Amino acid sequence: MPIHVGNIEKITNDFIQLSELEFNRVLYDALDSSGTNIVHDVDELIFPPGYRLIRVDNRLDLDDIDEPYFELALLSDETKEVVYYNKVIILSDLVLNCRLASQILVWRTRKPQHKAALSDLAAKIFFHYLIKTYDVVASNMSQIIEGTSFWQARMYEALQFGLHVYGYDVMTCELRNILAEDDVSKEQCWLWGNVEYYMDRLAIISRIKLPNK
């Protein structure tokens, strides 16, 4: 399983461009014409009028991504812009014996008029769509913007929901059980604190016990 996917510089540039009007409008048009509305596939989602949550699979032939991937986006049809964007790849791991969904780019607009539509959206997508659909979601080094704080929040929530939480080293195949809230803080340094190793280490949240038998 790849340690991280894609060119980090390119991903960072895409993150910045999503806030640019012209880039965002072009992306809105592309996703609007090819996306499937999945709002009814995500539990607890209620949007104000004028918003659509869409999914597009393998829209572009990307040189930096070899794995299957899809895009999730919240479109504002009133302002004709993308207000939430999530690029997800699907990985296979032989040791864990499962498929993992991994978010490599998560972005949302900071414009206040979309605040109500975006409230708790990232967490709802994570638990009520990705976990529900793929069972296992792993962090990714390419998700570098707000990635650590996002994952810490999801790990605490996952423990409250009774899900399995792990730290995983893809080079040594060491799998660490994270069983309580105190373990989340204890494992932060192991996951993200050592520059020499952190690119090989993933946080994992799963509906199934790993490794999968």
C-alpha atoms as a PDB file:
ATOM      1  CA  MET A   1       0.000   0.000   0.000  1.00  0.00           C
ATOM      2  CA  PRO A   2       1.460   3.401  -0.902  1.00  0.00           C
ATOM      3  CA  ILE A   3       2.666   5.509   2.009  1.00  0.00           C
ATOM      4  CA  HIS A   4       1.160   8.600   0.497  1.00  0.00           C
ATOM      5  CA  VAL A   5      -0.284   9.334  -2.894  1.00  0.00           C
ATOM      6  CA  GLY A   6       0.263  12.122  -5.312  1.00  0.00           C
ATOM      7  CA  ASN A   7       2.520  15.134  -5.507  1.00  0.00           C
ATOM      8  CA  ILE A   8       2.106  17.046  -2.249  1.00  0.00           C
ATOM      9  CA  GLU A   9       3.043  20.325  -3.917  1.00  0.00           C
ATOM     10  CA  LYS A  10       0.307  19.785  -6.516  1.00  0.00           C
ATOM     11  CA  ILE A  11      -2.254  18.894  -3.854  1.00  0.00           C
ATOM     12  CA  THR A  12      -1.385  22.031  -1.909  1.00  0.00           C
ATOM     13  CA  ASN A  13      -1.763  24.074  -5.092  1.00  0.00           C
ATOM     14  CA  ASP A  14      -5.170  22.504  -5.790  1.00  0.00           C
ATOM     15  CA  PHE A  15      -6.233  23.364  -2.239  1.00  0.00           C
ATOM     16  CA  ILE A  16      -5.342  27.010  -2.815  1.00  0.00           C
ATOM     17  CA  GLN A  17      -6.938  27.121  -6.279  1.00  0.00           C
ATOM     18  CA  LEU A  18     -10.280  25.908  -4.966  1.00  0.00           C
ATOM     19  CA  SER A  19     -10.662  29.333  -3.358  1.00  0.00           C
ATOM     20  CA  GLU A  20     -10.041  31.084  -6.681  1.00  0.00           C
ATOM     21  CA  LEU A  21     -13.233  32.084  -8.493  1.00  0.00           C
ATOM     22  CA  GLU A  22     -12.263  30.992 -12.013  1.00  0.00           C
ATOM     23  CA  PHE A  23     -10.817  27.613 -10.973  1.00  0.00           C
ATOM     24  CA  ASN A  24     -13.781  26.925  -8.722  1.00  0.00           C
ATOM     25  CA  ARG A  25     -16.326  27.776 -11.449  1.00  0.00           C
ATOM     26  CA  VAL A  26     -14.620  25.474 -13.961  1.00  0.00           C
ATOM     27  CA  LEU A  27     -14.683  22.664 -11.401  1.00  0.00           C
ATOM     28  CA  TYR A  28     -18.340  23.375 -10.601  1.00  0.00           C
ATOM     29  CA  ASP A  29     -19.265  23.058 -14.291  1.00  0.00           C
ATOM     30  CA  ALA A  30     -17.282  19.821 -14.660  1.00  0.00           C
ATOM     31  CA  LEU A  31     -18.782  18.180 -11.585  1.00  0.00           C
ATOM     32  CA  ASP A  32     -22.277  19.497 -12.315  1.00  0.00           C
ATOM     33  CA  SER A  33     -22.301  17.783 -15.713  1.00  0.00           C
ATOM     34  CA  SER A  34     -20.920  14.421 -14.574  1.00  0.00           C
ATOM     35  CA  GLY A  35     -21.863  13.964 -10.918  1.00  0.00           C
ATOM     36  CA  THR A  36     -24.450  11.730  -9.261  1.00  0.00           C
ATOM     37  CA  ASN A  37     -26.480  13.198  -6.407  1.00  0.00           C
ATOM     38  CA  ILE A  38     -25.789  11.115  -3.275  1.00  0.00           C
ATOM     39  CA  VAL A  39     -27.459  13.235  -0.605  1.00  0.00           C
ATOM     40  CA  HIS A  40     -29.908  10.426   0.208  1.00  0.00           C
ATOM     41  CA  ASP A  41     -27.002   7.998   0.714  1.00  0.00           C
ATOM     42  CA  VAL A  42     -25.654   9.967   3.675  1.00  0.00           C
ATOM     43  CA  ASP A  43     -27.570   9.725   6.941  1.00  0.00           C
ATOM     44  CA  GLU A  44     -28.474  12.887   8.855  1.00  0.00           C
ATOM     45  CA  LEU A  45     -27.803  15.254   5.939  1.00  0.00           C
ATOM     46  CA  ILE A  46     -30.224  18.144   5.603  1.00  0.00           C
ATOM     47  CA  PHE A  47     -29.163  21.040   3.389  1.00  0.00           C
ATOM     48  CA  PRO A  48     -30.777  24.416   2.824  1.00  0.00           C
ATOM     49  CA  PRO A  49     -32.405  24.730  -0.624  1.00  0.00           C
ATOM     50  CA  GLY A  50     -29.997  25.101  -3.531  1.00  0.00           C
ATOM     51  CA  TYR A  51     -27.281  22.632  -2.491  1.00  0.00           C
ATOM     52  CA  ARG A  52     -26.407  19.228  -3.940  1.00  0.00           C
ATOM     53  CA  LEU A  53     -23.916  16.626  -2.712  1.00  0.00           C
ATOM     54  CA  ILE A  54     -22.498  14.781  -5.710  1.00  0.00           C
ATOM     55  CA  ARG A  55     -20.014  11.996  -6.415  1.00  0.00           C
ATOM     56  CA  VAL A  56     -17.898  11.496  -9.549  1.00  0.00           C
ATOM     57  CA  ASP A  57     -15.727   8.401 -10.084  1.00  0.00           C
ATOM     58  CA  ASN A  58     -12.379   8.482 -11.911  1.00  0.00           C
ATOM     59  CA  ARG A  59     -13.270  11.696 -13.735  1.00  0.00           C
ATOM     60  CA  LEU A  60      -9.706  12.419 -14.845  1.00  0.00           C
ATOM     61  CA  ASP A  61      -6.747  10.262 -15.829  1.00  0.00           C
ATOM     62  CA  LEU A  62      -4.320  11.433 -13.161  1.00  0.00           C
ATOM     63  CA  ASP A  63      -0.625  10.645 -13.531  1.00  0.00           C
ATOM     64  CA  ASP A  64      -0.002  10.875  -9.783  1.00  0.00           C
ATOM     65  CA  ILE A  65      -2.815   8.511  -8.735  1.00  0.00           C
ATOM     66  CA  ASP A  66      -2.785   4.865  -9.816  1.00  0.00           C
ATOM     67  CA  GLU A  67      -5.568   3.684  -7.515  1.00  0.00           C
ATOM     68  CA  PRO A  68      -9.323   4.028  -8.095  1.00  0.00           C
ATOM     69  CA  TYR A  69     -10.551   7.353  -6.781  1.00  0.00           C
ATOM     70  CA  PHE A  70     -13.640   9.497  -6.608  1.00  0.00           C
ATOM     71  CA  GLU A  71     -14.574  13.079  -5.856  1.00  0.00           C
ATOM     72  CA  LEU A  72     -17.268  14.273  -3.472  1.00  0.00           C
ATOM     73  CA  ALA A  73     -18.460  17.851  -3.711  1.00  0.00           C
ATOM     74  CA  LEU A  74     -21.150  20.055  -2.273  1.00  0.00           C
ATOM     75  CA  LEU A  75     -22.386  22.333  -5.041  1.00  0.00           C
ATOM     76  CA  SER A  76     -24.195  25.608  -4.484  1.00  0.00           C
ATOM     77  CA  ASP A  77     -26.484  25.995  -7.488  1.00  0.00           C
ATOM     78  CA  GLU A  78     -27.441  29.509  -6.437  1.00  0.00           C
ATOM     79  CA  THR A  79     -23.871  30.852  -6.531  1.00  0.00           C
ATOM     80  CA  LYS A  80     -22.606  28.187  -8.970  1.00  0.00           C
ATOM     81  CA  GLU A  81     -19.601  27.216  -6.928  1.00  0.00           C
ATOM     82  CA  VAL A  82     -18.057  24.258  -5.168  1.00  0.00           C
ATOM     83  CA  VAL A  83     -18.267  24.888  -1.420  1.00  0.00           C
ATOM     84  CA  TYR A  84     -16.937  21.512  -0.215  1.00  0.00           C
ATOM     85  CA  TYR A  85     -14.551  19.192  -2.046  1.00  0.00           C
ATOM     86  CA  ASN A  86     -13.141  15.802  -1.079  1.00  0.00           C
ATOM     87  CA  LYS A  87     -10.898  13.556  -3.176  1.00  0.00           C
ATOM     88  CA  VAL A  88     -10.841   9.938  -1.961  1.00  0.00           C
ATOM     89  CA  ILE A  89      -8.678   7.030  -3.116  1.00  0.00           C
ATOM     90  CA  ILE A  90      -9.308   3.335  -2.512  1.00  0.00           C
ATOM     91  CA  LEU A  91      -6.294   1.318  -1.374  1.00  0.00           C
ATOM     92  CA  SER A  92      -5.785  -2.398  -0.759  1.00  0.00           C
ATOM     93  CA  ASP A  93      -3.643  -3.733   2.069  1.00  0.00           C
ATOM     94  CA  LEU A  94      -2.655  -7.405   2.068  1.00  0.00           C
ATOM     95  CA  VAL A  95      -1.595  -7.470   5.714  1.00  0.00           C
ATOM     96  CA  LEU A  96      -4.830  -5.946   6.991  1.00  0.00           C
ATOM     97  CA  ASN A  97      -6.775  -7.893   4.336  1.00  0.00           C
ATOM     98  CA  CYS A  98      -9.131  -5.067   3.487  1.00  0.00           C
ATOM     99  CA  ARG A  99      -9.806  -2.072   1.290  1.00  0.00           C
ATOM    100  CA  LEU A 100      -9.219   1.336   2.790  1.00  0.00           C
ATOM    101  CA  ALA A 101     -10.691   4.655   1.747  1.00  0.00           C
ATOM    102  CA  SER A 102      -8.244   7.526   2.174  1.00  0.00           C
ATOM    103  CA  GLN A 103      -9.022  11.228   1.811  1.00  0.00           C
ATOM    104  CA  ILE A 104      -6.124  12.965   0.076  1.00  0.00           C
ATOM    105  CA  LEU A 105      -7.707  16.398  -0.244  1.00  0.00           C
ATOM    106  CA  VAL A 106     -10.490  17.871   1.888  1.00  0.00           C
ATOM    107  CA  TRP A 107     -11.443  21.510   1.354  1.00  0.00           C
ATOM    108  CA  ARG A 108     -14.339  23.778   2.276  1.00  0.00           C
ATOM    109  CA  THR A 109     -15.063  27.406   1.556  1.00  0.00           C
ATOM    110  CA  ARG A 110     -14.762  29.971   4.321  1.00  0.00           C
ATOM    111  CA  LYS A 111     -17.541  32.154   2.917  1.00  0.00           C
ATOM    112  CA  PRO A 112     -20.065  32.816   5.707  1.00  0.00           C
ATOM    113  CA  GLN A 113     -23.151  32.415   3.500  1.00  0.00           C
ATOM    114  CA  HIS A 114     -22.410  28.676   3.209  1.00  0.00           C
ATOM    115  CA  LYS A 115     -21.755  28.090   6.911  1.00  0.00           C
ATOM    116  CA  ALA A 116     -25.117  26.454   7.614  1.00  0.00           C
ATOM    117  CA  ALA A 117     -24.758  23.996   4.734  1.00  0.00           C
ATOM    118  CA  LEU A 118     -21.239  23.045   5.815  1.00  0.00           C
ATOM    119  CA  SER A 119     -21.981  22.545   9.506  1.00  0.00           C
ATOM    120  CA  ASP A 120     -20.542  19.146  10.574  1.00  0.00           C
ATOM    121  CA  LEU A 121     -20.475  18.060   6.916  1.00  0.00           C
ATOM    122  CA  ALA A 122     -16.929  16.653   6.999  1.00  0.00           C
ATOM    123  CA  ALA A 123     -17.714  14.447   9.992  1.00  0.00           C
ATOM    124  CA  LYS A 124     -21.021  13.269   8.502  1.00  0.00           C
ATOM    125  CA  ILE A 125     -19.320  12.374   5.211  1.00  0.00           C
ATOM    126  CA  PHE A 126     -16.635  10.519   7.147  1.00  0.00           C
ATOM    127  CA  PHE A 127     -18.887   8.404   9.355  1.00  0.00           C
ATOM    128  CA  HIS A 128     -22.164   8.196   7.441  1.00  0.00           C
ATOM    129  CA  TYR A 129     -20.732   7.694   3.959  1.00  0.00           C
ATOM    130  CA  LEU A 130     -17.077   6.613   3.883  1.00  0.00           C
ATOM    131  CA  ILE A 131     -17.145   4.308   6.903  1.00  0.00           C
ATOM    132  CA  LYS A 132     -20.595   3.003   5.976  1.00  0.00           C
ATOM    133  CA  THR A 133     -19.560   2.277   2.388  1.00  0.00           C
ATOM    134  CA  TYR A 134     -15.975   1.071   2.773  1.00  0.00           C
ATOM    135  CA  ASP A 135     -15.775  -0.093   6.435  1.00  0.00           C
ATOM    136  CA  VAL A 136     -12.191   1.184   6.830  1.00  0.00           C
ATOM    137  CA  VAL A 137     -10.865   4.743   6.453  1.00  0.00           C
ATOM    138  CA  ALA A 138      -7.156   5.587   6.749  1.00  0.00           C
ATOM    139  CA  SER A 139      -5.364   8.898   7.066  1.00  0.00           C
ATOM    140  CA  ASN A 140      -3.052   9.985   4.280  1.00  0.00           C
ATOM    141  CA  MET A 141       0.100  12.064   4.332  1.00  0.00           C
ATOM    142  CA  SER A 142      -1.151  13.960   1.295  1.00  0.00           C
ATOM    143  CA  GLN A 143      -4.032  15.331   3.384  1.00  0.00           C
ATOM    144  CA  ILE A 144      -1.734  17.954   4.838  1.00  0.00           C
ATOM    145  CA  ILE A 145      -4.071  20.898   5.380  1.00  0.00           C
ATOM    146  CA  GLU A 146      -5.717  20.621   8.820  1.00  0.00           C
ATOM    147  CA  GLY A 147      -5.176  16.865   8.527  1.00  0.00           C
ATOM    148  CA  THR A 148      -3.876  16.137  12.005  1.00  0.00           C
ATOM    149  CA  SER A 149      -6.546  18.049  13.932  1.00  0.00           C
ATOM    150  CA  PHE A 150      -9.258  16.595  11.671  1.00  0.00           C
ATOM    151  CA  TRP A 151      -8.107  13.059  12.418  1.00  0.00           C
ATOM    152  CA  GLN A 152      -7.767  13.605  16.137  1.00  0.00           C
ATOM    153  CA  ALA A 153     -11.392  14.754  16.251  1.00  0.00           C
ATOM    154  CA  ARG A 154     -12.564  11.760  14.214  1.00  0.00           C
ATOM    155  CA  MET A 155     -10.641   9.331  16.442  1.00  0.00           C
ATOM    156  CA  TYR A 156     -12.317  10.660  19.592  1.00  0.00           C
ATOM    157  CA  GLU A 157     -15.725  10.464  17.890  1.00  0.00           C
ATOM    158  CA  ALA A 158     -15.046   6.946  16.595  1.00  0.00           C
ATOM    159  CA  LEU A 159     -14.351   5.701  20.115  1.00  0.00           C
ATOM    160  CA  GLN A 160     -17.670   7.182  21.261  1.00  0.00           C
ATOM    161  CA  PHE A 161     -19.418   5.375  18.389  1.00  0.00           C
ATOM    162  CA  GLY A 162     -17.830   2.039  19.340  1.00  0.00           C
ATOM    163  CA  LEU A 163     -15.667   1.809  16.208  1.00  0.00           C
ATOM    164  CA  HIS A 164     -12.174   0.328  16.042  1.00  0.00           C
ATOM    165  CA  VAL A 165      -9.298   2.831  16.055  1.00  0.00           C
ATOM    166  CA  TYR A 166      -5.697   1.984  15.193  1.00  0.00           C
ATOM    167  CA  GLY A 167      -2.276   3.352  14.442  1.00  0.00           C
ATOM    168  CA  TYR A 168      -0.591   1.486  11.568  1.00  0.00           C
ATOM    169  CA  ASP A 169       2.968   1.495  10.248  1.00  0.00           C
ATOM    170  CA  VAL A 170       2.864   0.465   6.593  1.00  0.00           C
ATOM    171  CA  MET A 171       6.587  -0.366   6.517  1.00  0.00           C
ATOM    172  CA  THR A 172       6.825  -2.589   9.605  1.00  0.00           C
ATOM    173  CA  CYS A 173       3.124  -3.626   9.572  1.00  0.00           C
ATOM    174  CA  GLU A 174       2.880  -2.779  13.272  1.00  0.00           C
ATOM    175  CA  LEU A 175      -0.769  -2.288  14.222  1.00  0.00           C
ATOM    176  CA  ARG A 176      -1.504  -0.428  17.459  1.00  0.00           C
ATOM    177  CA  ASN A 177      -4.907  -0.624  19.117  1.00  0.00           C
ATOM    178  CA  ILE A 178      -6.257   2.713  20.316  1.00  0.00           C
ATOM    179  CA  LEU A 179      -8.885   1.750  22.857  1.00  0.00           C
ATOM    180  CA  ALA A 180      -9.566   4.878  24.910  1.00  0.00           C
ATOM    181  CA  GLU A 181      -9.447   8.664  24.684  1.00  0.00           C
ATOM    182  CA  ASP A 182      -6.184   8.751  26.624  1.00  0.00           C
ATOM    183  CA  ASP A 183      -4.650   6.470  23.983  1.00  0.00           C
ATOM    184  CA  VAL A 184      -5.422   9.032  21.265  1.00  0.00           C
ATOM    185  CA  SER A 185      -3.230  11.631  22.932  1.00  0.00           C
ATOM    186  CA  LYS A 186      -0.550   9.048  23.771  1.00  0.00           C
ATOM    187  CA  GLU A 187      -0.295   7.874  20.151  1.00  0.00           C
ATOM    188  CA  GLN A 188      -0.181  11.348  18.584  1.00  0.00           C
ATOM    189  CA  CYS A 189       3.608  11.504  18.761  1.00  0.00           C
ATOM    190  CA  TRP A 190       3.944   8.001  17.313  1.00  0.00           C
ATOM    191  CA  LEU A 191       1.617   8.848  14.439  1.00  0.00           C
ATOM    192  CA  TRP A 192       2.664  12.395  13.625  1.00  0.00           C
ATOM    193  CA  GLY A 193       5.502  13.537  15.880  1.00  0.00           C
ATOM    194  CA  ASN A 194       8.596  11.913  14.362  1.00  0.00           C
ATOM    195  CA  VAL A 195       9.705  13.354  11.021  1.00  0.00           C
ATOM    196  CA  GLU A 196      11.700  10.210  10.242  1.00  0.00           C
ATOM    197  CA  TYR A 197       8.702   7.886  10.527  1.00  0.00           C
ATOM    198  CA  TYR A 198       5.429   9.815  10.308  1.00  0.00           C
ATOM    199  CA  MET A 199       5.077   9.493   6.533  1.00  0.00           C
ATOM    200  CA  ASP A 200       4.836   5.712   6.994  1.00  0.00           C
ATOM    201  CA  ARG A 201       2.240   5.821   9.768  1.00  0.00           C
ATOM    202  CA  LEU A 202      -1.509   6.021   9.382  1.00  0.00           C
ATOM    203  CA  ALA A 203      -4.445   6.512  11.685  1.00  0.00           C
ATOM    204  CA  ILE A 204      -7.204   4.028  10.874  1.00  0.00           C
ATOM    205  CA  ILE A 205     -10.879   3.976  11.839  1.00  0.00           C
ATOM    206  CA  SER A 206     -12.788   0.805  11.034  1.00  0.00           C
ATOM    207  CA  ARG A 207     -16.171  -0.848  11.462  1.00  0.00           C
ATOM    208  CA  ILE A 208     -14.418  -4.236  11.442  1.00  0.00           C
ATOM    209  CA  LYS A 209     -11.659  -5.609  13.646  1.00  0.00           C
ATOM    210  CA  LEU A 210      -8.268  -5.566  11.947  1.00  0.00           C
ATOM    211  CA  PRO A 211      -6.551  -7.483  10.532  1.00  0.00           C
ATOM    212  CA  ASN A 212      -9.662  -8.757   8.785  1.00  0.00           C
ATOM    213  CA  LYS A 213      -9.984 -12.549   9.048  1.00  0.00           C
END
